[in-house]
Every structure is written in C-alpha cells, then in structure tokens.
Amino acid sequence: MPGIDECLLDAMRLPGARGASVVDWISGLALGTIGDSPNGDHEATAAESAELARMAAEHRAFAASTEVPTSPAPGSGPRPGGTSLGGPAAGGPASDGATDSLPPVEDVIVTNRDSYHVVRFVRTTFDSSVFLHLWLDRAEGNLALARIRLGEIAERLVL
C-alpha cells in the first residue's frame, strides 16, 4: 500500500500534471507536495484548496441526494415524529450513522482558461479529513482520466 510520496508520484505521471498535494482539509496543512504550485507557494495553495474542500464537505447542498417525490401521494402527509418523506425534520437525507464522518462528495473540479484543479477526498479509517489536489494543464491533461486515476490513487493511499 503506497504512502503519500508514492501516491503523489503516481499523480504526477498523469498527462498534463503540473503539481499535486495531499492536504488536511480541516487544518489546511499540506501533508505532502510535488511539482509546481499555481501561485508559487504550496502551503498557500493547500490552505486555499482546503477552504474549497471544506465548503463542499460541510454544506448539505452537496450531500448525496435521495429520491424525494415532487408531489406527495394521496394520504402521505407528514410521518409520525414530524419527519417528511425526504428524511429527517431538517429536510435532508436520512443518516445511517456509519458515514456521518465522511465527506458528502467524492471530488470537486474547478476549471479555468488554462488548467483544471481536481480535489479528491480520501476515505480513511479515522476522520476522512484528507484530500488529493491535482493541478492539470488544460491543453495537455485529460480531465476524465485524471478523475478516474485520482480515485484509484485515493483508494490505495495509506496514511
């Protein structure tokens, strides 16, 4: 099972890879970096990408959706206990308790004129507060391939 350095080297083998890092999205600290940084400072890039990851991970708007009927079936008003068909009283999906600490998203993709940024959350046995950030050159990179490979790398990563 590869560690941080091996996973970063794998990420840099992707076509168009300009830089990569493993970041703790709670603290914003880079646990490892390789290649270039978009703003020339790996630590600043880690902190800035952690803000984006935190936003995606903590807001319910990005949580996995559940099938909610657009109009209730006859006789299907509120359930006992005040919950609706969409989940708990807050209106979101029901929680099974097993995935409460996991980020609700798999990855976040930001595109600009000359590059792509792919943030891939890493599931861990402890708190799942780590992500891989890959910076790709838009002309040379393949976003679909990068997303697939980053997912594979994240699954193998041992912290």
N, C-alpha and C. Protein backbone atom coordinates (compact mmCIF):
# COMPACT_ATOMS: atom_id res chain seq x y z
N MET A 1 0.84 -1.18 0.00
CA MET A 1 0.00 0.00 0.00
C MET A 1 0.89 1.25 0.00
N PRO A 2 0.72 2.10 -0.99
CA PRO A 2 1.59 3.27 -1.10
C PRO A 2 1.26 4.37 -0.10
N GLY A 3 2.28 5.08 0.30
CA GLY A 3 2.12 6.23 1.18
C GLY A 3 1.95 7.50 0.38
N ILE A 4 2.08 8.62 1.06
CA ILE A 4 1.85 9.92 0.44
C ILE A 4 2.79 10.17 -0.73
N ASP A 5 4.09 9.95 -0.54
CA ASP A 5 5.06 10.24 -1.60
C ASP A 5 4.81 9.42 -2.85
N GLU A 6 4.52 8.12 -2.68
CA GLU A 6 4.27 7.26 -3.84
C GLU A 6 3.00 7.67 -4.57
N CYS A 7 1.97 8.06 -3.83
CA CYS A 7 0.71 8.49 -4.45
C CYS A 7 0.90 9.80 -5.22
N LEU A 8 1.68 10.70 -4.67
CA LEU A 8 1.95 11.96 -5.37
C LEU A 8 2.74 11.71 -6.65
N LEU A 9 3.70 10.79 -6.61
CA LEU A 9 4.45 10.45 -7.82
C LEU A 9 3.52 9.85 -8.88
N ASP A 10 2.58 9.00 -8.46
CA ASP A 10 1.59 8.43 -9.39
C ASP A 10 0.75 9.54 -10.02
N ALA A 11 0.33 10.50 -9.22
CA ALA A 11 -0.48 11.60 -9.73
C ALA A 11 0.29 12.42 -10.76
N MET A 12 1.58 12.61 -10.54
CA MET A 12 2.39 13.40 -11.46
C MET A 12 2.67 12.67 -12.78
N ARG A 13 2.40 11.37 -12.83
CA ARG A 13 2.56 10.62 -14.08
C ARG A 13 1.39 10.82 -15.03
N LEU A 14 0.34 11.46 -14.56
CA LEU A 14 -0.82 11.72 -15.41
C LEU A 14 -0.47 12.77 -16.47
N PRO A 15 -0.98 12.61 -17.69
CA PRO A 15 -0.69 13.60 -18.73
C PRO A 15 -1.14 15.00 -18.30
N GLY A 16 -0.25 15.96 -18.43
CA GLY A 16 -0.58 17.34 -18.10
C GLY A 16 -0.46 17.72 -16.64
N ALA A 17 -0.05 16.79 -15.77
CA ALA A 17 0.07 17.11 -14.35
C ALA A 17 1.13 18.18 -14.13
N ARG A 18 0.73 19.22 -13.41
CA ARG A 18 1.67 20.32 -13.11
C ARG A 18 2.09 20.30 -11.65
N GLY A 19 1.21 19.82 -10.79
CA GLY A 19 1.50 19.75 -9.37
C GLY A 19 0.44 18.95 -8.65
N ALA A 20 0.80 18.43 -7.49
CA ALA A 20 -0.15 17.64 -6.70
C ALA A 20 0.20 17.79 -5.23
N SER A 21 -0.81 17.58 -4.40
CA SER A 21 -0.58 17.65 -2.96
C SER A 21 -1.61 16.79 -2.23
N VAL A 22 -1.25 16.40 -1.04
CA VAL A 22 -2.17 15.76 -0.10
C VAL A 22 -2.36 16.76 1.02
N VAL A 23 -3.62 17.10 1.29
CA VAL A 23 -3.93 18.19 2.21
C VAL A 23 -4.95 17.74 3.25
N ASP A 24 -4.79 18.19 4.47
CA ASP A 24 -5.80 18.01 5.51
C ASP A 24 -6.77 19.18 5.37
N TRP A 25 -8.04 18.88 5.04
CA TRP A 25 -8.97 19.97 4.76
C TRP A 25 -9.49 20.65 6.02
N ILE A 26 -9.27 20.08 7.17
CA ILE A 26 -9.68 20.74 8.42
C ILE A 26 -8.67 21.83 8.79
N SER A 27 -7.39 21.49 8.76
CA SER A 27 -6.35 22.45 9.15
C SER A 27 -5.83 23.27 7.97
N GLY A 28 -5.94 22.75 6.76
CA GLY A 28 -5.39 23.43 5.59
C GLY A 28 -3.91 23.19 5.39
N LEU A 29 -3.35 22.24 6.12
CA LEU A 29 -1.92 21.96 6.02
C LEU A 29 -1.65 20.92 4.94
N ALA A 30 -0.59 21.14 4.17
CA ALA A 30 -0.16 20.17 3.17
C ALA A 30 0.62 19.07 3.87
N LEU A 31 0.21 17.81 3.65
CA LEU A 31 0.92 16.67 4.21
C LEU A 31 2.03 16.21 3.28
N GLY A 32 1.93 16.62 2.01
CA GLY A 32 2.94 16.30 1.02
C GLY A 32 2.64 17.07 -0.26
N THR A 33 3.68 17.47 -0.98
CA THR A 33 3.51 18.21 -2.23
C THR A 33 4.54 17.73 -3.23
N ILE A 34 4.22 17.96 -4.51
CA ILE A 34 5.16 17.63 -5.58
C ILE A 34 4.86 18.54 -6.77
N GLY A 35 5.88 18.84 -7.56
CA GLY A 35 5.67 19.66 -8.75
C GLY A 35 5.51 21.13 -8.42
N ASP A 36 4.83 21.82 -9.32
CA ASP A 36 4.62 23.25 -9.17
C ASP A 36 3.35 23.55 -8.38
N SER A 37 3.21 24.80 -8.00
CA SER A 37 2.01 25.29 -7.32
C SER A 37 1.43 26.43 -8.15
N PRO A 38 0.10 26.53 -8.26
CA PRO A 38 -0.49 27.58 -9.09
C PRO A 38 -0.05 29.00 -8.71
N ASN A 39 0.18 29.23 -7.43
CA ASN A 39 0.58 30.58 -7.01
C ASN A 39 2.03 30.64 -6.52
N GLY A 40 2.78 29.56 -6.75
CA GLY A 40 4.18 29.53 -6.36
C GLY A 40 4.44 29.16 -4.91
N ASP A 41 3.41 28.93 -4.12
CA ASP A 41 3.55 28.62 -2.70
C ASP A 41 2.65 27.44 -2.36
N HIS A 42 3.26 26.27 -2.15
CA HIS A 42 2.48 25.06 -1.88
C HIS A 42 1.60 25.18 -0.62
N GLU A 43 2.13 25.82 0.41
CA GLU A 43 1.36 25.94 1.66
C GLU A 43 0.14 26.85 1.47
N ALA A 44 0.30 27.94 0.75
CA ALA A 44 -0.83 28.83 0.48
C ALA A 44 -1.86 28.13 -0.39
N THR A 45 -1.39 27.38 -1.40
CA THR A 45 -2.31 26.63 -2.25
C THR A 45 -3.07 25.59 -1.43
N ALA A 46 -2.40 24.92 -0.51
CA ALA A 46 -3.06 23.93 0.35
C ALA A 46 -4.14 24.58 1.19
N ALA A 47 -3.84 25.73 1.78
CA ALA A 47 -4.83 26.42 2.60
C ALA A 47 -6.02 26.88 1.77
N GLU A 48 -5.76 27.39 0.58
CA GLU A 48 -6.84 27.87 -0.28
C GLU A 48 -7.70 26.72 -0.80
N SER A 49 -7.07 25.62 -1.20
CA SER A 49 -7.86 24.48 -1.68
C SER A 49 -8.61 23.82 -0.52
N ALA A 50 -8.08 23.91 0.70
CA ALA A 50 -8.79 23.37 1.86
C ALA A 50 -10.08 24.14 2.12
N GLU A 51 -10.07 25.45 1.87
CA GLU A 51 -11.30 26.24 2.02
C GLU A 51 -12.38 25.74 1.06
N LEU A 52 -11.99 25.46 -0.17
CA LEU A 52 -12.93 24.93 -1.16
C LEU A 52 -13.43 23.55 -0.73
N ALA A 53 -12.53 22.69 -0.30
CA ALA A 53 -12.91 21.35 0.14
C ALA A 53 -13.84 21.40 1.34
N ARG A 54 -13.54 22.27 2.30
CA ARG A 54 -14.39 22.42 3.49
C ARG A 54 -15.80 22.84 3.10
N MET A 55 -15.88 23.79 2.18
CA MET A 55 -17.19 24.26 1.75
C MET A 55 -18.00 23.11 1.15
N ALA A 56 -17.37 22.33 0.28
CA ALA A 56 -18.07 21.21 -0.35
C ALA A 56 -18.42 20.13 0.67
N ALA A 57 -17.53 19.88 1.62
CA ALA A 57 -17.74 18.80 2.58
C ALA A 57 -18.75 19.14 3.66
N GLU A 58 -18.88 20.40 4.01
CA GLU A 58 -19.70 20.76 5.16
C GLU A 58 -21.10 21.25 4.81
N HIS A 59 -21.36 21.54 3.55
CA HIS A 59 -22.67 22.08 3.19
C HIS A 59 -23.58 21.00 2.64
N ARG A 60 -24.80 20.98 3.13
CA ARG A 60 -25.76 19.95 2.74
C ARG A 60 -26.16 20.04 1.27
N ALA A 61 -25.96 21.18 0.66
CA ALA A 61 -26.32 21.33 -0.75
C ALA A 61 -25.54 20.35 -1.62
N PHE A 62 -24.39 19.89 -1.14
CA PHE A 62 -23.55 18.99 -1.92
C PHE A 62 -23.63 17.56 -1.44
N ALA A 63 -24.52 17.27 -0.49
CA ALA A 63 -24.68 15.92 0.03
C ALA A 63 -25.34 15.03 -1.02
N ALA A 64 -25.18 13.73 -0.86
CA ALA A 64 -25.82 12.77 -1.76
C ALA A 64 -27.33 12.97 -1.68
N SER A 65 -27.95 12.97 -2.83
CA SER A 65 -29.39 13.19 -2.86
C SER A 65 -30.14 11.89 -2.66
N THR A 66 -31.36 12.01 -2.21
CA THR A 66 -32.25 10.86 -2.09
C THR A 66 -33.47 11.11 -2.95
N GLU A 67 -34.11 10.08 -3.33
CA GLU A 67 -35.30 10.18 -4.17
C GLU A 67 -36.42 10.78 -3.33
N VAL A 68 -36.88 11.96 -3.68
CA VAL A 68 -37.97 12.62 -2.98
C VAL A 68 -39.06 12.92 -4.00
N PRO A 69 -40.28 12.42 -3.76
CA PRO A 69 -41.35 12.68 -4.71
C PRO A 69 -41.61 14.18 -4.83
N THR A 70 -41.95 14.64 -6.06
CA THR A 70 -42.23 16.05 -6.26
C THR A 70 -43.58 16.43 -5.68
N SER A 71 -44.51 15.53 -5.68
CA SER A 71 -45.80 15.78 -5.03
C SER A 71 -46.16 14.54 -4.23
N PRO A 72 -46.60 14.73 -2.98
CA PRO A 72 -46.88 13.58 -2.14
C PRO A 72 -48.05 12.76 -2.67
N ALA A 73 -47.96 11.46 -2.48
CA ALA A 73 -49.05 10.57 -2.87
C ALA A 73 -50.23 10.82 -1.94
N PRO A 74 -51.45 10.54 -2.40
CA PRO A 74 -52.62 10.75 -1.54
C PRO A 74 -52.46 10.03 -0.21
N GLY A 75 -52.74 10.76 0.86
CA GLY A 75 -52.68 10.17 2.20
C GLY A 75 -51.27 10.02 2.75
N SER A 76 -50.30 10.68 2.11
CA SER A 76 -48.92 10.52 2.59
C SER A 76 -48.39 11.83 3.15
N GLY A 77 -49.06 12.39 4.11
CA GLY A 77 -48.63 13.62 4.75
C GLY A 77 -47.41 13.36 5.61
N PRO A 78 -47.17 14.25 6.56
CA PRO A 78 -46.01 14.07 7.43
C PRO A 78 -46.08 12.75 8.18
N ARG A 79 -44.94 12.15 8.38
CA ARG A 79 -44.87 10.89 9.12
C ARG A 79 -44.93 11.18 10.61
N PRO A 80 -45.26 10.17 11.39
CA PRO A 80 -45.22 10.35 12.85
C PRO A 80 -43.81 10.79 13.27
N GLY A 81 -43.74 11.70 14.20
CA GLY A 81 -42.45 12.20 14.67
C GLY A 81 -42.03 13.46 13.93
N GLY A 82 -42.83 13.91 12.98
CA GLY A 82 -42.57 15.18 12.32
C GLY A 82 -41.63 15.12 11.14
N THR A 83 -41.23 13.94 10.67
CA THR A 83 -40.34 13.90 9.53
C THR A 83 -41.13 13.82 8.25
N SER A 84 -40.52 14.27 7.18
CA SER A 84 -41.16 14.24 5.88
C SER A 84 -40.64 13.06 5.09
N LEU A 85 -41.10 12.93 3.87
CA LEU A 85 -40.63 11.86 3.01
C LEU A 85 -39.18 12.01 2.63
N GLY A 86 -38.63 13.21 2.73
CA GLY A 86 -37.26 13.48 2.31
C GLY A 86 -36.20 13.15 3.33
N GLY A 87 -36.55 12.75 4.54
CA GLY A 87 -35.53 12.42 5.53
C GLY A 87 -35.87 13.03 6.87
N PRO A 88 -34.88 13.43 7.66
CA PRO A 88 -35.13 13.99 8.97
C PRO A 88 -35.83 15.34 8.90
N ALA A 89 -36.24 15.81 10.03
CA ALA A 89 -37.03 17.04 10.10
C ALA A 89 -36.33 18.22 9.42
N ALA A 90 -35.01 18.20 9.35
CA ALA A 90 -34.28 19.28 8.68
C ALA A 90 -34.48 19.27 7.18
N GLY A 91 -35.06 18.19 6.65
CA GLY A 91 -35.37 18.14 5.23
C GLY A 91 -34.31 17.48 4.38
N GLY A 92 -33.24 16.99 4.97
CA GLY A 92 -32.19 16.36 4.19
C GLY A 92 -32.29 14.86 4.23
N PRO A 93 -31.35 14.16 3.64
CA PRO A 93 -31.37 12.72 3.61
C PRO A 93 -31.17 12.13 4.99
N ALA A 94 -31.75 10.97 5.20
CA ALA A 94 -31.62 10.29 6.47
C ALA A 94 -30.19 9.82 6.65
N SER A 95 -29.70 9.79 7.89
CA SER A 95 -28.34 9.36 8.18
C SER A 95 -28.37 7.94 8.70
N ASP A 96 -27.42 7.12 8.23
CA ASP A 96 -27.33 5.77 8.74
C ASP A 96 -26.32 5.65 9.87
N GLY A 97 -25.68 6.75 10.25
CA GLY A 97 -24.74 6.75 11.35
C GLY A 97 -23.35 6.27 10.96
N ALA A 98 -23.25 5.39 9.96
CA ALA A 98 -21.95 4.82 9.59
C ALA A 98 -21.12 5.78 8.75
N THR A 99 -21.74 6.71 8.06
CA THR A 99 -21.00 7.59 7.17
C THR A 99 -21.04 9.04 7.60
N ASP A 100 -21.41 9.32 8.84
CA ASP A 100 -21.51 10.71 9.30
C ASP A 100 -20.20 11.46 9.19
N SER A 101 -19.04 10.79 9.37
CA SER A 101 -17.77 11.50 9.35
C SER A 101 -17.19 11.62 7.95
N LEU A 102 -17.80 10.98 6.96
CA LEU A 102 -17.27 11.04 5.60
C LEU A 102 -17.75 12.28 4.88
N PRO A 103 -16.90 12.86 4.04
CA PRO A 103 -17.36 13.99 3.23
C PRO A 103 -18.51 13.55 2.33
N PRO A 104 -19.47 14.42 2.07
CA PRO A 104 -20.62 14.04 1.26
C PRO A 104 -20.32 13.99 -0.23
N VAL A 105 -19.14 14.45 -0.65
CA VAL A 105 -18.78 14.46 -2.06
C VAL A 105 -17.55 13.59 -2.29
N GLU A 106 -17.38 13.15 -3.52
CA GLU A 106 -16.18 12.39 -3.88
C GLU A 106 -15.07 13.32 -4.34
N ASP A 107 -15.42 14.25 -5.23
CA ASP A 107 -14.40 15.17 -5.71
C ASP A 107 -15.02 16.49 -6.12
N VAL A 108 -14.16 17.49 -6.25
CA VAL A 108 -14.54 18.83 -6.68
C VAL A 108 -13.62 19.17 -7.85
N ILE A 109 -14.22 19.69 -8.92
CA ILE A 109 -13.43 20.04 -10.10
C ILE A 109 -13.62 21.53 -10.39
N VAL A 110 -12.50 22.23 -10.52
CA VAL A 110 -12.53 23.65 -10.87
C VAL A 110 -11.78 23.79 -12.19
N THR A 111 -12.41 24.47 -13.13
CA THR A 111 -11.76 24.70 -14.42
C THR A 111 -11.52 26.19 -14.61
N ASN A 112 -10.43 26.51 -15.29
CA ASN A 112 -10.19 27.89 -15.71
C ASN A 112 -9.62 27.85 -17.12
N ARG A 113 -9.21 28.98 -17.64
CA ARG A 113 -8.78 29.05 -19.04
C ARG A 113 -7.65 28.11 -19.40
N ASP A 114 -6.70 27.92 -18.48
CA ASP A 114 -5.53 27.13 -18.85
C ASP A 114 -5.29 25.88 -18.01
N SER A 115 -6.14 25.60 -17.02
CA SER A 115 -5.87 24.44 -16.19
C SER A 115 -7.14 23.90 -15.53
N TYR A 116 -6.97 22.72 -14.96
CA TYR A 116 -8.01 22.07 -14.16
C TYR A 116 -7.44 21.84 -12.76
N HIS A 117 -8.31 21.90 -11.78
CA HIS A 117 -7.96 21.53 -10.41
C HIS A 117 -8.94 20.44 -10.00
N VAL A 118 -8.41 19.31 -9.59
CA VAL A 118 -9.25 18.21 -9.14
C VAL A 118 -8.92 17.96 -7.67
N VAL A 119 -9.93 18.05 -6.83
CA VAL A 119 -9.81 17.78 -5.40
C VAL A 119 -10.54 16.48 -5.14
N ARG A 120 -9.82 15.45 -4.74
CA ARG A 120 -10.41 14.13 -4.50
C ARG A 120 -10.30 13.80 -3.01
N PHE A 121 -11.45 13.60 -2.36
CA PHE A 121 -11.47 13.26 -0.94
C PHE A 121 -10.98 11.84 -0.75
N VAL A 122 -10.23 11.61 0.32
CA VAL A 122 -9.68 10.30 0.65
C VAL A 122 -10.42 9.76 1.86
N ARG A 123 -11.00 8.60 1.71
CA ARG A 123 -11.67 7.95 2.84
C ARG A 123 -10.62 7.23 3.68
N THR A 124 -10.63 7.51 4.98
CA THR A 124 -9.68 6.88 5.89
C THR A 124 -10.44 6.23 7.03
N THR A 125 -9.73 5.42 7.80
CA THR A 125 -10.36 4.73 8.92
C THR A 125 -10.58 5.65 10.11
N PHE A 126 -9.94 6.82 10.12
CA PHE A 126 -10.13 7.70 11.26
C PHE A 126 -11.12 8.80 10.94
N ASP A 127 -10.73 9.96 10.43
CA ASP A 127 -11.68 11.06 10.29
C ASP A 127 -11.96 11.52 8.87
N SER A 128 -11.34 10.92 7.87
CA SER A 128 -11.55 11.27 6.45
C SER A 128 -11.45 12.77 6.20
N SER A 129 -10.41 13.39 6.71
CA SER A 129 -10.24 14.83 6.54
C SER A 129 -9.11 15.17 5.58
N VAL A 130 -8.80 14.25 4.67
CA VAL A 130 -7.68 14.43 3.76
C VAL A 130 -8.18 14.40 2.32
N PHE A 131 -7.54 15.18 1.46
CA PHE A 131 -7.85 15.12 0.04
C PHE A 131 -6.59 15.21 -0.78
N LEU A 132 -6.69 14.73 -2.01
CA LEU A 132 -5.65 14.88 -3.01
C LEU A 132 -6.03 16.06 -3.89
N HIS A 133 -5.08 16.94 -4.17
CA HIS A 133 -5.31 18.06 -5.07
C HIS A 133 -4.37 17.90 -6.25
N LEU A 134 -4.95 17.81 -7.45
CA LEU A 134 -4.16 17.68 -8.66
C LEU A 134 -4.38 18.91 -9.52
N TRP A 135 -3.29 19.51 -9.97
CA TRP A 135 -3.34 20.67 -10.86
C TRP A 135 -2.89 20.19 -12.23
N LEU A 136 -3.78 20.32 -13.22
CA LEU A 136 -3.53 19.82 -14.58
C LEU A 136 -3.48 20.96 -15.59
N ASP A 137 -2.59 20.85 -16.54
CA ASP A 137 -2.58 21.75 -17.68
C ASP A 137 -3.76 21.39 -18.58
N ARG A 138 -4.55 22.36 -18.94
CA ARG A 138 -5.77 22.11 -19.71
C ARG A 138 -5.48 21.59 -21.12
N ALA A 139 -4.41 22.09 -21.75
CA ALA A 139 -4.09 21.69 -23.12
C ALA A 139 -3.55 20.26 -23.19
N GLU A 140 -2.85 19.83 -22.15
CA GLU A 140 -2.22 18.51 -22.17
C GLU A 140 -2.95 17.46 -21.32
N GLY A 141 -3.75 17.91 -20.38
CA GLY A 141 -4.39 16.99 -19.45
C GLY A 141 -5.68 16.40 -19.99
N ASN A 142 -6.07 15.31 -19.40
CA ASN A 142 -7.33 14.64 -19.71
C ASN A 142 -8.12 14.58 -18.41
N LEU A 143 -9.13 15.42 -18.29
CA LEU A 143 -9.88 15.55 -17.04
C LEU A 143 -10.55 14.24 -16.63
N ALA A 144 -11.15 13.54 -17.57
CA ALA A 144 -11.82 12.28 -17.24
C ALA A 144 -10.82 11.24 -16.72
N LEU A 145 -9.71 11.10 -17.42
CA LEU A 145 -8.68 10.16 -16.98
C LEU A 145 -8.13 10.55 -15.61
N ALA A 146 -7.89 11.83 -15.42
CA ALA A 146 -7.35 12.31 -14.14
C ALA A 146 -8.30 12.01 -13.00
N ARG A 147 -9.58 12.21 -13.22
CA ARG A 147 -10.57 11.94 -12.17
C ARG A 147 -10.60 10.46 -11.81
N ILE A 148 -10.57 9.60 -12.81
CA ILE A 148 -10.57 8.15 -12.56
C ILE A 148 -9.31 7.72 -11.83
N ARG A 149 -8.17 8.15 -12.35
CA ARG A 149 -6.90 7.75 -11.74
C ARG A 149 -6.72 8.31 -10.33
N LEU A 150 -7.18 9.53 -10.11
CA LEU A 150 -7.08 10.11 -8.77
C LEU A 150 -7.93 9.32 -7.78
N GLY A 151 -9.08 8.85 -8.23
CA GLY A 151 -9.92 7.99 -7.39
C GLY A 151 -9.21 6.70 -7.02
N GLU A 152 -8.53 6.10 -7.98
CA GLU A 152 -7.77 4.87 -7.72
C GLU A 152 -6.62 5.14 -6.76
N ILE A 153 -5.93 6.25 -6.96
CA ILE A 153 -4.82 6.62 -6.07
C ILE A 153 -5.32 6.84 -4.66
N ALA A 154 -6.44 7.54 -4.53
CA ALA A 154 -7.01 7.82 -3.20
C ALA A 154 -7.39 6.54 -2.47
N GLU A 155 -7.88 5.55 -3.19
CA GLU A 155 -8.25 4.28 -2.56
C GLU A 155 -7.03 3.53 -2.04
N ARG A 156 -5.90 3.68 -2.70
CA ARG A 156 -4.68 2.97 -2.30
C ARG A 156 -3.88 3.70 -1.23
N LEU A 157 -4.12 4.98 -1.07
CA LEU A 157 -3.31 5.81 -0.18
C LEU A 157 -3.40 5.31 1.27
N VAL A 158 -2.25 5.12 1.86
CA VAL A 158 -2.17 4.74 3.27
C VAL A 158 -1.54 5.89 4.04
N LEU A 159 -2.26 6.36 5.04
CA LEU A 159 -1.75 7.49 5.85
C LEU A 159 -1.22 6.99 7.16
